[in-house]
Amino acid sequence: MHNRNEIIDSMLKLFIIIALPLTIVFGLLSIMSAKLTASQLSSEPTVLLRTPLTEKNWTDLGSVVDPVINLSVKTLSGFEKMDFVLDSGAVISSLPREWAEKIGSDLAFAKRISFKGFGNTLSFAYQSDMVVKLNNENVQLPIVFTESEGTRALIGRKGFFDNYSILFDHTEKVMEIRK
């Protein structure tokens, strides 16, 4: 009987030495993990730009939201403001050809590409890059300079939509660019 009590005492000591500290450590880790997850879920994303949604009246369609953002584009003479349409249907951002000289892109050395646009029309463009300011951060985006007449400046998916979240809040009538 004496040996049995010693075995039970030894097992109890072993439990206290090994199992109890492990239980405490795992319990603390579980609590810390739950708090971290809760704080991550409750934290708001960083809003880089918040701008009102504007409406444009189309003759046959009526009032339609026009997702336009005003960004500063780096030119040879500094930053210049320009309105861009956020276009999730555009693969790449684009500027009218006349802007190439303003931002210092020499189209003689740029790669000329062809693409099909609205109405399946064939257009030509020149690949380059531009720098825009987004919340005091310089962001380099791939762009094309288009030869098409009347081209609007667009912000497309490549380099922008794949790096930022865009929220169209029609109840608040605002658009947000989030990191």
C-alpha atoms as a PDB file:
ATOM      1  CA  MET A   1       0.000   0.000   0.000  1.00  0.00           C
ATOM      2  CA  HIS A   2       2.903   2.239   0.730  1.00  0.00           C
ATOM      3  CA  ASN A   3       4.124   1.981  -2.886  1.00  0.00           C
ATOM      4  CA  ARG A   4       0.689   2.823  -4.243  1.00  0.00           C
ATOM      5  CA  ASN A   5       0.582   6.107  -2.270  1.00  0.00           C
ATOM      6  CA  GLU A   6       4.068   6.980  -3.486  1.00  0.00           C
ATOM      7  CA  ILE A   7       3.019   6.352  -7.085  1.00  0.00           C
ATOM      8  CA  ILE A   8      -0.061   8.563  -6.682  1.00  0.00           C
ATOM      9  CA  ASP A   9       2.068  11.293  -5.052  1.00  0.00           C
ATOM     10  CA  SER A  10       4.621  11.046  -7.855  1.00  0.00           C
ATOM     11  CA  MET A  11       1.912  11.281 -10.520  1.00  0.00           C
ATOM     12  CA  LEU A  12       0.352  14.283  -8.797  1.00  0.00           C
ATOM     13  CA  LYS A  13       3.725  16.036  -8.647  1.00  0.00           C
ATOM     14  CA  LEU A  14       4.354  15.195 -12.300  1.00  0.00           C
ATOM     15  CA  PHE A  15       0.945  16.641 -13.193  1.00  0.00           C
ATOM     16  CA  ILE A  16       1.674  19.834 -11.247  1.00  0.00           C
ATOM     17  CA  ILE A  17       5.128  20.194 -12.801  1.00  0.00           C
ATOM     18  CA  ILE A  18       4.135  19.480 -16.435  1.00  0.00           C
ATOM     19  CA  ALA A  19       0.414  19.581 -17.109  1.00  0.00           C
ATOM     20  CA  LEU A  20      -0.570  22.607 -15.031  1.00  0.00           C
ATOM     21  CA  PRO A  21       1.966  25.025 -16.611  1.00  0.00           C
ATOM     22  CA  LEU A  22       1.055  23.744 -20.087  1.00  0.00           C
ATOM     23  CA  THR A  23      -2.639  24.297 -19.350  1.00  0.00           C
ATOM     24  CA  ILE A  24      -1.937  27.842 -18.177  1.00  0.00           C
ATOM     25  CA  VAL A  25       0.236  28.655 -21.227  1.00  0.00           C
ATOM     26  CA  PHE A  26      -2.317  27.280 -23.717  1.00  0.00           C
ATOM     27  CA  GLY A  27      -5.121  29.103 -21.904  1.00  0.00           C
ATOM     28  CA  LEU A  28      -3.245  32.428 -22.108  1.00  0.00           C
ATOM     29  CA  LEU A  29      -2.436  31.857 -25.780  1.00  0.00           C
ATOM     30  CA  SER A  30      -6.076  31.117 -26.497  1.00  0.00           C
ATOM     31  CA  ILE A  31      -7.218  34.327 -24.768  1.00  0.00           C
ATOM     32  CA  MET A  32      -4.585  36.441 -26.570  1.00  0.00           C
ATOM     33  CA  SER A  33      -5.534  34.914 -29.920  1.00  0.00           C
ATOM     34  CA  ALA A  34      -9.233  35.638 -29.357  1.00  0.00           C
ATOM     35  CA  LYS A  35      -8.491  39.273 -28.438  1.00  0.00           C
ATOM     36  CA  LEU A  36      -6.231  39.719 -31.476  1.00  0.00           C
ATOM     37  CA  THR A  37      -8.855  38.268 -33.802  1.00  0.00           C
ATOM     38  CA  ALA A  38     -11.556  40.502 -32.306  1.00  0.00           C
ATOM     39  CA  SER A  39      -9.405  43.622 -32.704  1.00  0.00           C
ATOM     40  CA  GLN A  40      -8.580  42.701 -36.322  1.00  0.00           C
ATOM     41  CA  LEU A  41     -12.263  42.246 -37.119  1.00  0.00           C
ATOM     42  CA  SER A  42     -13.265  45.528 -35.493  1.00  0.00           C
ATOM     43  CA  SER A  43     -10.485  47.653 -36.999  1.00  0.00           C
ATOM     44  CA  GLU A  44     -11.514  49.859 -39.885  1.00  0.00           C
ATOM     45  CA  PRO A  45      -9.583  49.760 -43.162  1.00  0.00           C
ATOM     46  CA  THR A  46      -7.415  52.759 -43.962  1.00  0.00           C
ATOM     47  CA  VAL A  47      -9.346  55.177 -46.157  1.00  0.00           C
ATOM     48  CA  LEU A  48      -6.916  56.830 -48.586  1.00  0.00           C
ATOM     49  CA  LEU A  49      -9.452  58.890 -50.504  1.00  0.00           C
ATOM     50  CA  ARG A  50     -13.118  59.691 -49.906  1.00  0.00           C
ATOM     51  CA  THR A  51     -14.954  61.626 -52.583  1.00  0.00           C
ATOM     52  CA  PRO A  52     -18.604  62.304 -53.356  1.00  0.00           C
ATOM     53  CA  LEU A  53     -20.301  60.241 -56.031  1.00  0.00           C
ATOM     54  CA  THR A  54     -21.506  62.527 -58.792  1.00  0.00           C
ATOM     55  CA  GLU A  55     -24.429  61.890 -61.070  1.00  0.00           C
ATOM     56  CA  LYS A  56     -24.490  62.495 -64.778  1.00  0.00           C
ATOM     57  CA  ASN A  57     -27.684  62.830 -66.751  1.00  0.00           C
ATOM     58  CA  TRP A  58     -27.717  60.734 -69.928  1.00  0.00           C
ATOM     59  CA  THR A  59     -30.300  61.551 -72.575  1.00  0.00           C
ATOM     60  CA  ASP A  60     -31.814  58.094 -72.898  1.00  0.00           C
ATOM     61  CA  LEU A  61     -30.712  56.582 -69.588  1.00  0.00           C
ATOM     62  CA  GLY A  62     -31.496  59.276 -67.058  1.00  0.00           C
ATOM     63  CA  SER A  63     -29.326  59.940 -64.017  1.00  0.00           C
ATOM     64  CA  VAL A  64     -26.317  57.601 -63.652  1.00  0.00           C
ATOM     65  CA  VAL A  65     -23.485  57.664 -61.096  1.00  0.00           C
ATOM     66  CA  ASP A  66     -20.204  58.795 -62.672  1.00  0.00           C
ATOM     67  CA  PRO A  67     -17.319  57.290 -60.609  1.00  0.00           C
ATOM     68  CA  VAL A  68     -14.820  60.132 -61.017  1.00  0.00           C
ATOM     69  CA  ILE A  69     -11.828  60.766 -58.761  1.00  0.00           C
ATOM     70  CA  ASN A  70      -9.497  63.726 -58.899  1.00  0.00           C
ATOM     71  CA  LEU A  71      -5.839  62.735 -58.622  1.00  0.00           C
ATOM     72  CA  SER A  72      -2.607  64.665 -58.934  1.00  0.00           C
ATOM     73  CA  VAL A  73      -0.478  63.373 -61.820  1.00  0.00           C
ATOM     74  CA  LYS A  74       3.288  63.910 -61.789  1.00  0.00           C
ATOM     75  CA  THR A  75       4.279  66.021 -64.796  1.00  0.00           C
ATOM     76  CA  LEU A  76       7.553  67.593 -65.855  1.00  0.00           C
ATOM     77  CA  SER A  77       6.475  70.829 -64.140  1.00  0.00           C
ATOM     78  CA  GLY A  78       5.174  69.269 -60.896  1.00  0.00           C
ATOM     79  CA  PHE A  79       1.884  67.644 -59.981  1.00  0.00           C
ATOM     80  CA  GLU A  80      -1.237  68.529 -61.958  1.00  0.00           C
ATOM     81  CA  LYS A  81      -4.807  67.651 -60.978  1.00  0.00           C
ATOM     82  CA  MET A  82      -6.826  65.495 -63.336  1.00  0.00           C
ATOM     83  CA  ASP A  83     -10.204  63.783 -63.229  1.00  0.00           C
ATOM     84  CA  PHE A  84     -10.151  60.026 -63.807  1.00  0.00           C
ATOM     85  CA  VAL A  85     -13.056  57.630 -64.271  1.00  0.00           C
ATOM     86  CA  LEU A  86     -12.625  54.532 -62.103  1.00  0.00           C
ATOM     87  CA  ASP A  87     -13.260  51.801 -64.655  1.00  0.00           C
ATOM     88  CA  SER A  88     -13.281  48.208 -63.435  1.00  0.00           C
ATOM     89  CA  GLY A  89     -13.861  47.141 -67.047  1.00  0.00           C
ATOM     90  CA  ALA A  90     -10.573  48.700 -68.186  1.00  0.00           C
ATOM     91  CA  VAL A  91      -7.600  46.376 -67.984  1.00  0.00           C
ATOM     92  CA  ILE A  92      -5.122  49.251 -67.699  1.00  0.00           C
ATOM     93  CA  SER A  93      -5.256  52.955 -66.910  1.00  0.00           C
ATOM     94  CA  SER A  94      -5.193  55.305 -69.863  1.00  0.00           C
ATOM     95  CA  LEU A  95      -4.570  58.925 -70.735  1.00  0.00           C
ATOM     96  CA  PRO A  96      -5.064  60.858 -73.955  1.00  0.00           C
ATOM     97  CA  ARG A  97      -1.964  60.848 -76.166  1.00  0.00           C
ATOM     98  CA  GLU A  98      -1.388  64.573 -75.554  1.00  0.00           C
ATOM     99  CA  TRP A  99      -0.462  63.830 -71.943  1.00  0.00           C
ATOM    100  CA  ALA A 100       2.625  61.795 -72.894  1.00  0.00           C
ATOM    101  CA  GLU A 101       4.759  64.884 -73.400  1.00  0.00           C
ATOM    102  CA  LYS A 102       3.423  66.479 -70.183  1.00  0.00           C
ATOM    103  CA  ILE A 103       4.600  63.586 -68.031  1.00  0.00           C
ATOM    104  CA  GLY A 104       7.842  63.064 -69.921  1.00  0.00           C
ATOM    105  CA  SER A 105       7.040  59.895 -71.871  1.00  0.00           C
ATOM    106  CA  ASP A 106       8.633  59.720 -75.300  1.00  0.00           C
ATOM    107  CA  LEU A 107       6.230  57.723 -77.441  1.00  0.00           C
ATOM    108  CA  ALA A 108       8.952  57.091 -80.033  1.00  0.00           C
ATOM    109  CA  PHE A 109      10.444  54.605 -77.565  1.00  0.00           C
ATOM    110  CA  ALA A 110       7.188  53.277 -76.092  1.00  0.00           C
ATOM    111  CA  LYS A 111       5.743  49.921 -77.099  1.00  0.00           C
ATOM    112  CA  ARG A 112       2.784  50.381 -79.458  1.00  0.00           C
ATOM    113  CA  ILE A 113      -0.098  47.992 -78.870  1.00  0.00           C
ATOM    114  CA  SER A 114      -3.518  47.463 -80.391  1.00  0.00           C
ATOM    115  CA  PHE A 115      -6.668  46.660 -78.478  1.00  0.00           C
ATOM    116  CA  LYS A 116     -10.383  46.441 -79.023  1.00  0.00           C
ATOM    117  CA  GLY A 117     -12.519  48.885 -77.134  1.00  0.00           C
ATOM    118  CA  PHE A 118     -16.169  49.768 -76.868  1.00  0.00           C
ATOM    119  CA  GLY A 119     -18.135  48.540 -79.883  1.00  0.00           C
ATOM    120  CA  ASN A 120     -15.263  46.206 -80.774  1.00  0.00           C
ATOM    121  CA  THR A 121     -13.411  49.088 -82.441  1.00  0.00           C
ATOM    122  CA  LEU A 122      -9.679  48.680 -83.000  1.00  0.00           C
ATOM    123  CA  SER A 123      -7.510  51.303 -81.287  1.00  0.00           C
ATOM    124  CA  PHE A 124      -3.807  51.873 -80.835  1.00  0.00           C
ATOM    125  CA  ALA A 125      -1.981  52.919 -77.700  1.00  0.00           C
ATOM    126  CA  TYR A 126       1.510  53.302 -76.266  1.00  0.00           C
ATOM    127  CA  GLN A 127       2.556  51.624 -73.015  1.00  0.00           C
ATOM    128  CA  SER A 128       4.168  53.687 -70.281  1.00  0.00           C
ATOM    129  CA  ASP A 129       3.870  54.535 -66.578  1.00  0.00           C
ATOM    130  CA  MET A 130       2.567  57.485 -64.617  1.00  0.00           C
ATOM    131  CA  VAL A 131       2.871  58.575 -61.010  1.00  0.00           C
ATOM    132  CA  VAL A 132      -0.209  59.761 -59.143  1.00  0.00           C
ATOM    133  CA  LYS A 133      -0.493  61.040 -55.612  1.00  0.00           C
ATOM    134  CA  LEU A 134      -2.877  59.062 -53.422  1.00  0.00           C
ATOM    135  CA  ASN A 135      -3.156  60.331 -49.832  1.00  0.00           C
ATOM    136  CA  ASN A 136       0.321  61.940 -49.994  1.00  0.00           C
ATOM    137  CA  GLU A 137       1.840  58.705 -51.322  1.00  0.00           C
ATOM    138  CA  ASN A 138       3.318  58.523 -54.820  1.00  0.00           C
ATOM    139  CA  VAL A 139       1.846  55.547 -56.657  1.00  0.00           C
ATOM    140  CA  GLN A 140       3.296  54.347 -59.970  1.00  0.00           C
ATOM    141  CA  LEU A 141       0.712  52.904 -62.337  1.00  0.00           C
ATOM    142  CA  PRO A 142       1.110  51.256 -65.735  1.00  0.00           C
ATOM    143  CA  ILE A 143      -0.806  53.204 -68.390  1.00  0.00           C
ATOM    144  CA  VAL A 144      -1.396  53.484 -72.082  1.00  0.00           C
ATOM    145  CA  PHE A 145      -1.633  56.663 -74.097  1.00  0.00           C
ATOM    146  CA  THR A 146      -4.464  56.240 -76.553  1.00  0.00           C
ATOM    147  CA  GLU A 147      -4.687  57.568 -80.084  1.00  0.00           C
ATOM    148  CA  SER A 148      -8.497  57.583 -79.988  1.00  0.00           C
ATOM    149  CA  GLU A 149     -10.162  61.000 -80.177  1.00  0.00           C
ATOM    150  CA  GLY A 150     -12.098  62.151 -77.121  1.00  0.00           C
ATOM    151  CA  THR A 151     -10.542  59.618 -74.768  1.00  0.00           C
ATOM    152  CA  ARG A 152     -11.301  60.151 -71.092  1.00  0.00           C
ATOM    153  CA  ALA A 153      -8.635  59.538 -68.491  1.00  0.00           C
ATOM    154  CA  LEU A 154      -9.307  56.137 -66.883  1.00  0.00           C
ATOM    155  CA  ILE A 155      -7.994  54.281 -63.866  1.00  0.00           C
ATOM    156  CA  GLY A 156      -8.112  50.576 -64.701  1.00  0.00           C
ATOM    157  CA  ARG A 157      -7.548  47.318 -62.852  1.00  0.00           C
ATOM    158  CA  LYS A 158      -3.810  46.695 -63.380  1.00  0.00           C
ATOM    159  CA  GLY A 159      -1.848  48.351 -60.587  1.00  0.00           C
ATOM    160  CA  PHE A 160      -4.886  49.976 -58.967  1.00  0.00           C
ATOM    161  CA  PHE A 161      -7.900  47.716 -58.496  1.00  0.00           C
ATOM    162  CA  ASP A 162      -5.562  44.833 -57.629  1.00  0.00           C
ATOM    163  CA  ASN A 163      -3.853  46.914 -54.886  1.00  0.00           C
ATOM    164  CA  TYR A 164      -6.759  48.849 -53.356  1.00  0.00           C
ATOM    165  CA  SER A 165     -10.354  48.268 -52.332  1.00  0.00           C
ATOM    166  CA  ILE A 166     -12.917  50.546 -53.892  1.00  0.00           C
ATOM    167  CA  LEU A 167     -16.205  51.116 -52.092  1.00  0.00           C
ATOM    168  CA  PHE A 168     -19.198  52.671 -53.828  1.00  0.00           C
ATOM    169  CA  ASP A 169     -21.580  53.689 -51.041  1.00  0.00           C
ATOM    170  CA  HIS A 170     -24.778  54.792 -52.772  1.00  0.00           C
ATOM    171  CA  THR A 171     -26.640  55.430 -49.505  1.00  0.00           C
ATOM    172  CA  GLU A 172     -23.973  57.923 -48.354  1.00  0.00           C
ATOM    173  CA  LYS A 173     -23.304  59.006 -51.971  1.00  0.00           C
ATOM    174  CA  VAL A 174     -19.541  58.610 -51.551  1.00  0.00           C
ATOM    175  CA  MET A 175     -16.748  56.559 -53.052  1.00  0.00           C
ATOM    176  CA  GLU A 176     -13.755  55.416 -51.013  1.00  0.00           C
ATOM    177  CA  ILE A 177     -10.350  54.085 -51.962  1.00  0.00           C
ATOM    178  CA  ARG A 178      -9.068  51.846 -49.168  1.00  0.00           C
ATOM    179  CA  LYS A 179      -5.777  50.155 -48.427  1.00  0.00           C
END
